[in-house]
């Protein structure tokens, strides 16, 4: 490739390497359906590599300085950026901090899966890669929050070269638009973005049921550790409500006492409840408005519906926000009531039935503008784009095995 050329297809070289990795390297098993559609390009517009919307770009001079194992590591790294939709998830985030966080998350995952992450040559240009044990097992969102907080406090984040190698989201998207014009099979940009997003979500779902790399032996059901940590963020069933809602809890103004017990793995009398609560004298900085949205579609059993309601009652007792909105929904909001702090959540009849659609729920929540929203569902529903409020997902065990949640925190609710 001549350095005066802007872009040149790398499919002839890199698709062959990717194909060999798919067939011979067990760390790549399960990824072939997604990887086969990736478009690879050479360009001198970037110092190293970047990825977005189904395209991966490499600077050829830099890539050719790497040995074969390093090339596989870098290719896997960029593939993960696509699978985990890091470019799309950059919205409303500080881009440099997000790029740093995603690299830390991916590189530790690659290390755990046996990829070459240390180099005698310094990865071609002596710059190294971002890798730190303190980020072990964390997803990009968690790492992002931790790094951003350190930056706000003026503390060292540990990254010697903050994101200067990475082009911006706008620059990557401009590159994608340019090569789409050159690609004989190229689609309109918006169509390419949508198509790749659907394929990436399918790859994420495959990663929860198929061991993509074969090295994630500690994940139940052969799940891919990096996808679980970065996208799913599923918490253990023993997690208590106190821990889940820790940031919304407040200290007593004076006197009183409150104790907590972990919820049982087996719901008590059909419920998932927090036991051992004693009132305290006062609160400060209390949650002003919490919305609790219960899925009452046909895929929800009556037993689960009763469990969902018991969970709402427990949270009302625990947090007692100034306002708590209870919604029941299937393809529409079938019930809505706002409970004040002095009211108990009761006299609600739940009859499960119908299909599912979160769209009407989100539109109503935009009008209510709560600080936080709990959505209790089996996740057999299309997830809308990330909203402005904090989202906490409570899902059944079966739902968590097939979900496609990309924001908020997801917790497994034990079933009988």
Protein backbone atom coordinates (compact mmCIF):
# COMPACT_ATOMS: atom_id res chain seq x y z
CA UNK A 1 0.00 0.00 0.00
CA UNK A 2 1.32 3.43 -0.92
CA UNK A 3 1.42 5.90 1.96
CA UNK A 4 -0.35 8.47 -0.21
CA UNK A 5 -3.44 6.27 -0.42
CA UNK A 6 -6.10 6.93 2.21
CA UNK A 7 -7.69 3.47 2.50
CA UNK A 8 -7.01 0.06 1.05
CA UNK A 9 -8.92 -3.14 1.77
CA UNK A 10 -7.09 -5.53 4.10
CA UNK A 11 -9.60 -8.34 3.59
CA UNK A 12 -7.25 -10.41 1.45
CA UNK A 13 -4.71 -10.60 4.29
CA UNK A 14 -6.66 -10.27 7.51
CA UNK A 15 -9.72 -12.31 6.63
CA UNK A 16 -7.32 -15.19 5.91
CA UNK A 17 -5.68 -14.78 9.33
CA UNK A 18 -9.08 -14.48 11.01
CA UNK A 19 -10.35 -17.58 9.18
CA UNK A 20 -7.34 -19.58 10.33
CA UNK A 21 -7.85 -18.40 13.90
CA UNK A 22 -11.52 -19.35 13.78
CA UNK A 23 -10.76 -22.88 12.59
CA UNK A 24 -7.60 -23.72 14.55
CA UNK A 25 -7.54 -21.63 17.72
CA UNK A 26 -10.10 -22.74 20.30
CA UNK A 27 -10.05 -19.28 21.89
CA UNK A 28 -11.99 -18.06 18.86
CA UNK A 29 -14.60 -20.80 18.69
CA UNK A 30 -18.12 -19.43 18.41
CA UNK A 31 -17.14 -16.11 16.86
CA UNK A 32 -17.01 -17.12 13.19
CA UNK A 33 -20.55 -16.00 12.30
CA UNK A 34 -19.81 -12.45 13.43
CA UNK A 35 -16.15 -12.22 12.41
CA UNK A 36 -16.87 -13.41 8.88
CA UNK A 37 -18.82 -10.20 8.23
CA UNK A 38 -16.14 -7.83 9.54
CA UNK A 39 -14.52 -5.57 6.95
CA UNK A 40 -10.77 -5.03 7.40
CA UNK A 41 -8.98 -1.95 6.07
CA UNK A 42 -5.47 -0.49 5.96
CA UNK A 43 -5.08 3.23 6.55
CA UNK A 44 -2.34 5.70 7.49
CA UNK A 45 -4.89 8.03 9.08
CA UNK A 46 -4.38 6.31 12.46
CA UNK A 47 -1.18 5.40 14.32
CA UNK A 48 -2.35 1.91 15.34
CA UNK A 49 -5.85 0.49 15.11
CA UNK A 50 -9.52 1.28 15.71
CA UNK A 51 -12.92 -0.32 15.17
CA UNK A 52 -16.52 0.69 14.68
CA UNK A 53 -19.81 -0.41 13.10
CA UNK A 54 -18.44 -3.67 11.65
CA UNK A 55 -15.13 -2.24 10.37
CA UNK A 56 -11.60 -2.64 11.74
CA UNK A 57 -8.78 -0.37 10.62
CA UNK A 58 -5.04 -0.95 11.00
CA UNK A 59 -2.03 1.16 10.18
CA UNK A 60 -0.12 -1.36 7.99
CA UNK A 61 3.36 -0.19 8.99
CA UNK A 62 2.57 -0.64 12.67
CA UNK A 63 0.71 -3.94 12.19
CA UNK A 64 3.63 -5.45 10.27
CA UNK A 65 6.00 -4.74 13.18
CA UNK A 66 4.07 -7.23 15.33
CA UNK A 67 4.80 -10.93 15.47
CA UNK A 68 2.00 -13.37 14.62
CA UNK A 69 0.81 -13.92 18.21
CA UNK A 70 0.74 -10.17 18.78
CA UNK A 71 -1.27 -9.74 15.59
CA UNK A 72 -3.81 -12.27 16.85
CA UNK A 73 -4.05 -10.42 20.17
CA UNK A 74 -4.61 -7.08 18.45
CA UNK A 75 -7.16 -8.56 16.07
CA UNK A 76 -9.05 -10.13 18.99
CA UNK A 77 -8.85 -6.81 20.84
CA UNK A 78 -10.48 -4.91 17.97
CA UNK A 79 -13.06 -7.67 17.42
CA UNK A 80 -14.10 -7.28 21.05
CA UNK A 81 -14.53 -3.53 20.60
CA UNK A 82 -17.06 -4.38 17.88
CA UNK A 83 -18.82 -7.23 19.70
CA UNK A 84 -19.20 -5.13 22.86
CA UNK A 85 -20.39 -2.09 20.86
CA UNK A 86 -17.93 0.20 22.59
CA UNK A 87 -18.24 2.93 19.97
CA UNK A 88 -22.04 3.05 20.34
CA UNK A 89 -21.80 2.96 24.12
CA UNK A 90 -19.49 6.00 24.11
CA UNK A 91 -22.51 8.34 23.92
CA UNK A 92 -22.67 10.82 26.83
CA UNK A 93 -19.27 9.69 28.12
CA UNK A 94 -15.88 11.38 28.21
CA UNK A 95 -14.31 9.77 25.10
CA UNK A 96 -10.70 9.60 26.34
CA UNK A 97 -11.76 8.03 29.63
CA UNK A 98 -14.10 5.60 27.86
CA UNK A 99 -11.37 4.51 25.42
CA UNK A 100 -9.02 3.96 28.34
CA UNK A 101 -11.61 1.94 30.27
CA UNK A 102 -12.56 -0.28 27.34
CA UNK A 103 -8.91 -1.08 26.63
CA UNK A 104 -8.29 -2.04 30.25
CA UNK A 105 -11.36 -4.29 30.27
CA UNK A 106 -10.53 -6.03 26.99
CA UNK A 107 -6.81 -6.50 27.62
CA UNK A 108 -7.36 -8.15 30.99
CA UNK A 109 -9.92 -10.46 29.43
CA UNK A 110 -7.44 -11.38 26.70
CA UNK A 111 -4.77 -12.06 29.31
CA UNK A 112 -7.11 -14.41 31.15
CA UNK A 113 -7.89 -16.21 27.88
CA UNK A 114 -4.20 -16.86 27.20
CA UNK A 115 -3.45 -14.24 24.56
CA UNK A 116 -0.03 -12.65 24.32
CA UNK A 117 -0.24 -9.39 26.26
CA UNK A 118 3.46 -8.79 26.97
CA UNK A 119 5.90 -7.87 24.23
CA UNK A 120 9.67 -7.54 24.06
CA UNK A 121 9.27 -5.04 21.22
CA UNK A 122 6.77 -2.85 23.02
CA UNK A 123 4.02 -3.61 20.53
CA UNK A 124 5.81 -2.23 17.52
CA UNK A 125 6.16 1.39 18.62
CA UNK A 126 7.23 0.95 22.24
CA UNK A 127 3.88 2.21 23.52
CA UNK A 128 2.75 -1.00 25.20
CA UNK A 129 -0.90 -1.80 25.96
CA UNK A 130 -3.11 -0.81 28.87
CA UNK A 131 -3.13 -3.62 31.43
CA UNK A 132 -3.58 -3.39 35.19
CA UNK A 133 -4.52 -6.11 37.69
CA UNK A 134 -6.61 -3.64 39.68
CA UNK A 135 -9.13 -3.80 36.81
CA UNK A 136 -9.27 -7.59 36.78
CA UNK A 137 -12.78 -8.95 36.22
CA UNK A 138 -14.36 -5.51 35.81
CA UNK A 139 -16.48 -4.34 32.91
CA UNK A 140 -15.72 -1.18 30.94
CA UNK A 141 -18.54 0.79 32.59
CA UNK A 142 -17.26 0.10 36.10
CA UNK A 143 -13.67 0.93 35.11
CA UNK A 144 -14.88 4.10 33.40
CA UNK A 145 -16.61 5.32 36.55
CA UNK A 146 -13.55 4.62 38.67
CA UNK A 147 -11.12 6.37 36.29
CA UNK A 148 -13.45 9.34 35.81
CA UNK A 149 -13.76 9.77 39.55
CA UNK A 150 -9.97 9.75 39.92
CA UNK A 151 -9.63 12.34 37.18
CA UNK A 152 -12.20 14.56 38.89
CA UNK A 153 -10.20 14.24 42.11
CA UNK A 154 -6.95 15.05 40.25
CA UNK A 155 -5.47 11.61 40.95
CA UNK A 156 -3.20 9.54 38.70
CA UNK A 157 -5.19 6.94 36.72
CA UNK A 158 -2.13 4.81 35.96
CA UNK A 159 -2.29 5.34 32.20
CA UNK A 160 1.03 6.81 30.98
CA UNK A 161 -0.39 7.75 27.56
CA UNK A 162 -4.02 8.78 27.96
CA UNK A 163 -5.87 7.77 24.80
CA UNK A 164 -3.67 9.75 22.39
CA UNK A 165 -3.46 6.70 20.11
CA UNK A 166 -7.23 6.49 19.67
CA UNK A 167 -9.18 8.52 17.10
CA UNK A 168 -12.48 10.09 18.17
CA UNK A 169 -15.89 8.55 17.55
CA UNK A 170 -16.56 11.13 14.85
CA UNK A 171 -13.24 10.35 13.12
CA UNK A 172 -13.94 6.60 13.16
CA UNK A 173 -17.42 7.13 11.76
CA UNK A 174 -16.03 9.37 9.02
CA UNK A 175 -13.62 6.55 8.12
CA UNK A 176 -16.50 4.06 7.99
CA UNK A 177 -18.50 6.38 5.74
CA UNK A 178 -15.52 6.76 3.42
CA UNK A 179 -14.85 3.04 2.98
CA UNK A 180 -18.56 2.33 2.54
CA UNK A 181 -18.30 4.41 -0.62
CA UNK A 182 -15.40 2.26 -1.82
CA UNK A 183 -16.97 -1.08 -0.86
CA UNK A 184 -18.92 -2.62 -3.74
CA UNK A 185 -21.25 -4.20 -1.17
CA UNK A 186 -21.34 -1.08 0.97
CA UNK A 187 -24.63 -0.01 2.56
CA UNK A 188 -25.85 3.44 3.54
CA UNK A 189 -24.16 4.44 6.79
CA UNK A 190 -27.29 4.33 8.99
CA UNK A 191 -28.22 0.92 7.60
CA UNK A 192 -24.70 -0.35 8.27
CA UNK A 193 -24.86 0.87 11.87
CA UNK A 194 -28.20 -0.83 12.50
CA UNK A 195 -27.20 -4.06 10.79
CA UNK A 196 -23.94 -4.33 12.71
CA UNK A 197 -25.67 -3.54 16.02
CA UNK A 198 -28.08 -6.43 15.51
CA UNK A 199 -25.23 -8.80 14.64
CA UNK A 200 -23.17 -7.63 17.63
CA UNK A 201 -26.09 -8.28 19.98
CA UNK A 202 -26.45 -11.77 18.50
CA UNK A 203 -22.74 -12.36 19.14
CA UNK A 204 -23.20 -11.23 22.74
CA UNK A 205 -26.08 -13.66 23.17
CA UNK A 206 -23.96 -16.43 21.67
CA UNK A 207 -21.28 -15.52 24.18
CA UNK A 208 -23.62 -16.19 27.10
CA UNK A 209 -24.46 -19.68 25.86
CA UNK A 210 -21.25 -20.67 24.07
CA UNK A 211 -17.71 -20.44 25.38
CA UNK A 212 -16.22 -18.17 22.73
CA UNK A 213 -12.61 -18.80 23.62
CA UNK A 214 -12.62 -22.04 25.55
CA UNK A 215 -10.57 -20.56 28.38
CA UNK A 216 -13.41 -19.13 30.46
CA UNK A 217 -13.69 -22.21 32.61
CA UNK A 218 -15.00 -20.38 35.65
CA UNK A 219 -18.14 -19.07 34.01
CA UNK A 220 -21.33 -21.11 34.36
CA UNK A 221 -22.52 -22.75 31.17
CA UNK A 222 -19.32 -21.93 29.32
CA UNK A 223 -20.13 -18.22 29.20
CA UNK A 224 -17.54 -15.77 27.93
CA UNK A 225 -16.04 -13.99 30.91
CA UNK A 226 -15.35 -10.67 29.19
CA UNK A 227 -18.84 -10.34 27.70
CA UNK A 228 -20.41 -11.16 31.06
CA UNK A 229 -18.24 -8.62 32.89
CA UNK A 230 -18.53 -5.86 30.31
CA UNK A 231 -22.08 -6.10 29.01
CA UNK A 232 -24.11 -8.33 31.29
CA UNK A 233 -22.83 -7.33 34.72
CA UNK A 234 -25.01 -10.00 36.33
CA UNK A 235 -24.79 -10.01 40.12
CA UNK A 236 -24.99 -13.08 42.29
CA UNK A 237 -28.38 -14.17 43.61
CA UNK A 238 -27.22 -13.73 47.22
CA UNK A 239 -26.87 -9.98 46.71
CA UNK A 240 -29.00 -8.22 49.32
CA UNK A 241 -31.32 -5.32 48.58
CA UNK A 242 -29.20 -3.24 50.94
CA UNK A 243 -26.15 -3.84 48.74
CA UNK A 244 -28.05 -3.27 45.48
CA UNK A 245 -29.44 0.07 46.62
CA UNK A 246 -26.43 1.13 48.70
CA UNK A 247 -25.99 4.47 46.96
CA UNK A 248 -29.61 5.37 47.69
CA UNK A 249 -29.41 4.52 51.39
CA UNK A 250 -28.94 7.29 53.94
CA UNK A 251 -27.69 7.54 57.50
CA UNK A 252 -30.15 8.14 60.37
CA UNK A 253 -30.34 11.69 61.66
CA UNK A 254 -30.51 10.46 65.23
CA UNK A 255 -31.09 7.27 67.15
CA UNK A 256 -32.90 4.27 65.77
CA UNK A 257 -31.46 1.10 64.36
CA UNK A 258 -31.72 -0.84 61.12
CA UNK A 259 -30.45 -4.32 60.48
CA UNK A 260 -30.52 -6.43 57.36
CA UNK A 261 -30.41 -10.07 56.40
CA UNK A 262 -29.60 -11.41 52.97
CA UNK A 263 -32.62 -12.60 50.98
CA UNK A 264 -33.08 -16.33 50.82
CA UNK A 265 -32.21 -18.21 47.62
CA UNK A 266 -35.69 -19.71 48.01
CA UNK A 267 -38.35 -17.01 48.13
CA UNK A 268 -40.31 -17.03 51.37
CA UNK A 269 -44.02 -17.65 50.73
CA UNK A 270 -43.55 -16.88 47.04
CA UNK A 271 -41.68 -13.65 47.66
CA UNK A 272 -38.16 -12.31 47.39
CA UNK A 273 -37.97 -10.27 50.56
CA UNK A 274 -35.50 -8.60 52.83
CA UNK A 275 -36.07 -9.62 56.44
CA UNK A 276 -34.99 -8.05 59.72
CA UNK A 277 -35.87 -4.39 59.14
CA UNK A 278 -36.26 -2.04 62.10
CA UNK A 279 -37.30 1.60 61.70
CA UNK A 280 -34.94 4.43 62.34
CA UNK A 281 -35.70 7.91 63.55
CA UNK A 282 -34.90 10.01 60.52
CA UNK A 283 -33.39 10.24 57.06
CA UNK A 284 -31.53 12.75 54.98
CA UNK A 285 -30.94 13.01 51.24
CA UNK A 286 -33.67 10.47 50.65
CA UNK A 287 -34.46 9.20 47.15
CA UNK A 288 -37.13 11.56 45.82
CA UNK A 289 -38.78 9.40 43.17
CA UNK A 290 -38.33 5.71 42.39
CA UNK A 291 -40.27 3.95 39.63
CA UNK A 292 -40.82 0.19 39.85
CA UNK A 293 -42.03 -1.36 36.60
CA UNK A 294 -43.35 -4.93 36.69
CA UNK A 295 -43.57 -7.09 33.57
CA UNK A 296 -47.01 -8.74 33.49
CA UNK A 297 -46.81 -10.20 29.98
CA UNK A 298 -47.93 -13.72 29.04
CA UNK A 299 -44.45 -15.17 29.55
CA UNK A 300 -44.64 -14.28 33.25
CA UNK A 301 -46.24 -16.88 35.48
CA UNK A 302 -48.68 -15.87 38.20
CA UNK A 303 -46.19 -17.08 40.78
CA UNK A 304 -43.51 -14.82 39.31
CA UNK A 305 -45.97 -11.92 39.18
CA UNK A 306 -46.68 -12.34 42.89
CA UNK A 307 -42.95 -12.51 43.53
CA UNK A 308 -42.45 -9.27 41.59
CA UNK A 309 -45.06 -7.48 43.70
CA UNK A 310 -43.49 -8.75 46.94
CA UNK A 311 -40.18 -7.36 45.74
CA UNK A 312 -41.76 -3.94 45.15
CA UNK A 313 -43.23 -3.99 48.65
CA UNK A 314 -39.84 -4.85 50.13
CA UNK A 315 -38.09 -2.03 48.29
CA UNK A 316 -40.77 0.45 49.41
CA UNK A 317 -40.18 -0.59 53.01
CA UNK A 318 -36.41 -0.44 52.62
CA UNK A 319 -35.96 2.85 50.76
CA UNK A 320 -39.31 4.56 51.39
CA UNK A 321 -38.71 7.23 48.76
CA UNK A 322 -40.79 10.38 48.88
CA UNK A 323 -42.64 9.07 45.83
CA UNK A 324 -42.70 5.54 44.45
CA UNK A 325 -44.48 4.85 41.17
CA UNK A 326 -45.64 1.29 40.55
CA UNK A 327 -46.27 0.35 36.92
CA UNK A 328 -47.54 -2.91 35.48
CA UNK A 329 -46.86 -3.33 31.78
CA UNK A 330 -47.07 -5.67 28.82
CA UNK A 331 -47.47 -3.90 25.46
CA UNK A 332 -48.78 -0.88 27.36
CA UNK A 333 -48.91 0.48 30.88
CA UNK A 334 -51.85 -1.48 32.29
CA UNK A 335 -51.63 -0.06 35.82
CA UNK A 336 -49.96 2.97 37.38
CA UNK A 337 -50.11 4.35 40.89
CA UNK A 338 -47.88 6.75 42.79
CA UNK A 339 -47.39 5.90 46.47
CA UNK A 340 -46.38 8.61 48.94
CA UNK A 341 -43.91 7.98 51.73
CA UNK A 342 -46.69 7.38 54.25
CA UNK A 343 -48.50 4.81 52.08
CA UNK A 344 -47.92 1.07 51.84
CA UNK A 345 -47.76 -0.81 48.56
CA UNK A 346 -50.83 -3.03 48.69
CA UNK A 347 -54.17 -3.76 47.06
CA UNK A 348 -52.57 -4.33 43.66
CA UNK A 349 -53.95 -7.20 41.61
CA UNK A 350 -51.60 -8.70 39.02
CA UNK A 351 -52.95 -10.74 36.12
CA UNK A 352 -50.26 -11.86 33.70
CA UNK A 353 -50.99 -11.96 29.98
CA UNK A 354 -50.17 -10.38 26.62
CA UNK A 355 -47.00 -9.54 24.71
CA UNK A 356 -44.24 -7.13 25.75
CA UNK A 357 -43.16 -3.64 24.74
CA UNK A 358 -41.08 -1.30 26.90
CA UNK A 359 -41.64 1.67 24.59
CA UNK A 360 -44.80 2.96 26.32
CA UNK A 361 -43.15 2.48 29.72
CA UNK A 362 -40.14 4.58 28.74
CA UNK A 363 -42.32 7.30 27.24
CA UNK A 364 -44.30 7.52 30.47
CA UNK A 365 -41.14 7.51 32.56
CA UNK A 366 -39.81 10.45 30.53
CA UNK A 367 -42.87 12.37 31.70
CA UNK A 368 -42.44 11.31 35.33
CA UNK A 369 -38.65 11.87 35.33
CA UNK A 370 -37.72 9.58 38.27
CA UNK A 371 -34.21 9.43 39.71
CA UNK A 372 -34.05 5.66 39.38
CA UNK A 373 -36.09 2.93 37.74
CA UNK A 374 -36.35 -0.75 38.65
CA UNK A 375 -37.56 -2.99 35.83
CA UNK A 376 -38.59 -6.48 36.90
CA UNK A 377 -38.89 -8.72 33.83
CA UNK A 378 -37.93 -12.01 32.22
CA UNK A 379 -36.18 -9.94 29.49
CA UNK A 380 -38.22 -11.37 26.63
CA UNK A 381 -38.54 -7.86 25.26
CA UNK A 382 -36.66 -5.42 23.02
CA UNK A 383 -34.58 -3.07 25.18
CA UNK A 384 -34.93 0.65 24.26
CA UNK A 385 -31.87 2.95 24.03
CA UNK A 386 -30.23 4.01 27.30
CA UNK A 387 -32.37 6.61 29.14
CA UNK A 388 -31.35 9.49 31.41
CA UNK A 389 -32.32 7.79 34.67
CA UNK A 390 -30.46 5.08 36.58
CA UNK A 391 -31.76 1.65 35.58
CA UNK A 392 -31.73 -1.47 37.75
CA UNK A 393 -32.86 -4.70 36.13
CA UNK A 394 -34.30 -7.56 38.17
CA UNK A 395 -34.66 -10.62 35.96
CA UNK A 396 -35.47 -14.29 36.28
CA UNK A 397 -32.68 -16.82 35.99
CA UNK A 398 -33.93 -18.02 32.60
CA UNK A 399 -34.15 -14.46 31.35
CA UNK A 400 -30.58 -13.67 32.33
CA UNK A 401 -29.29 -16.51 30.18
CA UNK A 402 -30.77 -14.94 27.05
CA UNK A 403 -30.81 -11.23 27.74
CA UNK A 404 -29.48 -8.31 25.74
CA UNK A 405 -29.20 -5.51 28.30
CA UNK A 406 -26.47 -2.97 27.58
CA UNK A 407 -26.86 -0.44 30.38
CA UNK A 408 -27.75 -0.35 34.03
CA UNK A 409 -27.09 -3.18 36.48
CA UNK A 410 -28.69 -6.59 36.14
CA UNK A 411 -29.51 -8.81 39.13
CA UNK A 412 -30.69 -12.40 39.15
CA UNK A 413 -33.88 -12.98 41.10
CA UNK A 414 -33.98 -16.59 42.36
CA UNK A 415 -36.92 -18.71 41.31
CA UNK A 416 -38.56 -21.45 43.33
